[in-house]
Amino acid sequence: MAFHPLEEESFTTLQGFFLPHQAPPTPDSLPIADALIIDLVRQAVFGPQGSVLA
């Protein structure tokens, strides 16, 4: 196996991939518990920089 770094532009060709700054905002209509779960998932995937609460 080998690792080949990709340029940021290359990620746009991956179906369903988006960068943290492209993530849709959490809907305001969600209950607070659901919004917190979504924020925890964002932190796990994107790190604190992709979190709404960061």
N, C-alpha and C. Protein backbone atom coordinates (compact mmCIF):
# COMPACT_ATOMS: atom_id res chain seq x y z
N MET A 1 0.85 -1.19 0.00
CA MET A 1 0.00 0.00 0.00
C MET A 1 0.88 1.24 0.00
N ALA A 2 0.37 2.28 -0.57
CA ALA A 2 1.11 3.53 -0.62
C ALA A 2 0.17 4.68 -0.30
N PHE A 3 0.73 5.75 0.14
CA PHE A 3 -0.04 6.95 0.45
C PHE A 3 0.33 8.02 -0.55
N HIS A 4 -0.68 8.60 -1.13
CA HIS A 4 -0.45 9.69 -2.08
C HIS A 4 -1.29 10.88 -1.64
N PRO A 5 -0.65 11.96 -1.21
CA PRO A 5 -1.44 13.13 -0.76
C PRO A 5 -2.23 13.74 -1.91
N LEU A 6 -3.42 14.20 -1.58
CA LEU A 6 -4.28 14.85 -2.57
C LEU A 6 -4.36 16.34 -2.28
N GLU A 7 -4.50 17.09 -3.34
CA GLU A 7 -4.76 18.52 -3.20
C GLU A 7 -6.21 18.70 -2.77
N GLU A 8 -6.52 19.81 -2.12
CA GLU A 8 -7.88 20.06 -1.63
C GLU A 8 -8.90 19.97 -2.76
N GLU A 9 -8.54 20.40 -3.96
CA GLU A 9 -9.47 20.38 -5.09
C GLU A 9 -9.84 18.95 -5.48
N SER A 10 -8.95 18.00 -5.23
CA SER A 10 -9.21 16.61 -5.59
C SER A 10 -10.34 16.01 -4.78
N PHE A 11 -10.54 16.50 -3.57
CA PHE A 11 -11.60 15.96 -2.72
C PHE A 11 -12.99 16.27 -3.26
N THR A 12 -13.12 17.33 -4.05
CA THR A 12 -14.43 17.69 -4.59
C THR A 12 -14.95 16.64 -5.57
N THR A 13 -14.07 15.79 -6.10
CA THR A 13 -14.51 14.75 -7.02
C THR A 13 -15.08 13.54 -6.30
N LEU A 14 -14.87 13.44 -4.99
CA LEU A 14 -15.42 12.33 -4.21
C LEU A 14 -16.89 12.59 -3.90
N GLN A 15 -17.73 11.66 -4.30
CA GLN A 15 -19.16 11.82 -4.10
C GLN A 15 -19.49 11.83 -2.61
N GLY A 16 -20.23 12.84 -2.18
CA GLY A 16 -20.65 12.93 -0.79
C GLY A 16 -19.63 13.57 0.13
N PHE A 17 -18.47 13.95 -0.38
CA PHE A 17 -17.44 14.56 0.47
C PHE A 17 -17.63 16.07 0.52
N PHE A 18 -17.47 16.63 1.70
CA PHE A 18 -17.44 18.08 1.83
C PHE A 18 -16.47 18.45 2.94
N LEU A 19 -15.89 19.61 2.83
CA LEU A 19 -14.96 20.11 3.82
C LEU A 19 -15.73 20.67 5.01
N PRO A 20 -15.11 20.77 6.18
CA PRO A 20 -15.83 21.25 7.37
C PRO A 20 -16.55 22.58 7.16
N HIS A 21 -15.94 23.50 6.44
CA HIS A 21 -16.59 24.80 6.25
C HIS A 21 -17.78 24.72 5.29
N GLN A 22 -17.95 23.58 4.62
CA GLN A 22 -19.07 23.39 3.71
C GLN A 22 -20.22 22.61 4.36
N ALA A 23 -20.04 22.18 5.58
CA ALA A 23 -21.08 21.40 6.27
C ALA A 23 -22.32 22.26 6.49
N PRO A 24 -23.48 21.70 6.21
CA PRO A 24 -24.70 22.48 6.42
C PRO A 24 -24.91 22.77 7.91
N PRO A 25 -25.49 23.90 8.23
CA PRO A 25 -25.73 24.22 9.64
C PRO A 25 -26.78 23.29 10.25
N THR A 26 -26.72 23.14 11.55
CA THR A 26 -27.71 22.34 12.26
C THR A 26 -29.04 23.08 12.23
N PRO A 27 -30.14 22.43 11.82
CA PRO A 27 -31.43 23.12 11.77
C PRO A 27 -31.86 23.62 13.15
N ASP A 28 -32.39 24.80 13.20
CA ASP A 28 -32.87 25.39 14.46
C ASP A 28 -34.10 24.65 15.00
N SER A 29 -34.77 23.88 14.15
CA SER A 29 -35.99 23.20 14.56
C SER A 29 -35.73 21.93 15.38
N LEU A 30 -34.47 21.50 15.47
CA LEU A 30 -34.16 20.28 16.23
C LEU A 30 -34.25 20.53 17.73
N PRO A 31 -34.66 19.52 18.47
CA PRO A 31 -34.59 19.62 19.93
C PRO A 31 -33.13 19.75 20.36
N ILE A 32 -32.88 20.37 21.51
CA ILE A 32 -31.52 20.64 21.96
C ILE A 32 -30.69 19.36 22.08
N ALA A 33 -31.30 18.26 22.53
CA ALA A 33 -30.56 16.99 22.66
C ALA A 33 -30.07 16.51 21.29
N ASP A 34 -30.90 16.61 20.26
CA ASP A 34 -30.50 16.19 18.92
C ASP A 34 -29.40 17.11 18.37
N ALA A 35 -29.53 18.40 18.62
CA ALA A 35 -28.52 19.36 18.16
C ALA A 35 -27.17 19.08 18.82
N LEU A 36 -27.19 18.71 20.09
CA LEU A 36 -25.94 18.39 20.79
C LEU A 36 -25.30 17.12 20.24
N ILE A 37 -26.12 16.13 19.89
CA ILE A 37 -25.58 14.91 19.28
C ILE A 37 -24.93 15.23 17.95
N ILE A 38 -25.57 16.05 17.15
CA ILE A 38 -25.00 16.44 15.86
C ILE A 38 -23.68 17.17 16.08
N ASP A 39 -23.62 18.04 17.08
CA ASP A 39 -22.39 18.75 17.35
C ASP A 39 -21.28 17.80 17.79
N LEU A 40 -21.61 16.79 18.60
CA LEU A 40 -20.61 15.80 19.00
C LEU A 40 -20.07 15.03 17.80
N VAL A 41 -20.95 14.67 16.87
CA VAL A 41 -20.52 13.98 15.66
C VAL A 41 -19.61 14.90 14.83
N ARG A 42 -19.99 16.17 14.71
CA ARG A 42 -19.14 17.12 13.96
C ARG A 42 -17.75 17.21 14.59
N GLN A 43 -17.69 17.26 15.93
CA GLN A 43 -16.40 17.33 16.60
C GLN A 43 -15.58 16.06 16.36
N ALA A 44 -16.24 14.91 16.37
CA ALA A 44 -15.54 13.65 16.15
C ALA A 44 -14.99 13.57 14.72
N VAL A 45 -15.75 14.08 13.76
CA VAL A 45 -15.35 13.99 12.36
C VAL A 45 -14.40 15.12 11.96
N PHE A 46 -14.76 16.34 12.32
CA PHE A 46 -14.02 17.51 11.84
C PHE A 46 -13.07 18.11 12.88
N GLY A 47 -13.18 17.70 14.13
CA GLY A 47 -12.37 18.33 15.17
C GLY A 47 -13.06 19.58 15.68
N PRO A 48 -12.49 20.22 16.69
CA PRO A 48 -13.13 21.39 17.29
C PRO A 48 -13.36 22.56 16.32
N GLN A 49 -12.55 22.66 15.27
CA GLN A 49 -12.72 23.77 14.33
C GLN A 49 -14.02 23.65 13.53
N GLY A 50 -14.53 22.44 13.36
CA GLY A 50 -15.77 22.23 12.60
C GLY A 50 -17.00 22.26 13.47
N SER A 51 -16.82 22.48 14.76
CA SER A 51 -17.94 22.46 15.70
C SER A 51 -18.59 23.81 15.79
N VAL A 52 -19.90 23.79 16.01
CA VAL A 52 -20.66 25.03 16.21
C VAL A 52 -20.30 25.67 17.55
N LEU A 53 -20.02 24.82 18.56
CA LEU A 53 -19.75 25.31 19.88
C LEU A 53 -18.31 25.75 20.10
N ALA A 54 -17.43 25.48 19.16
CA ALA A 54 -16.01 25.83 19.33
C ALA A 54 -15.77 27.30 19.10
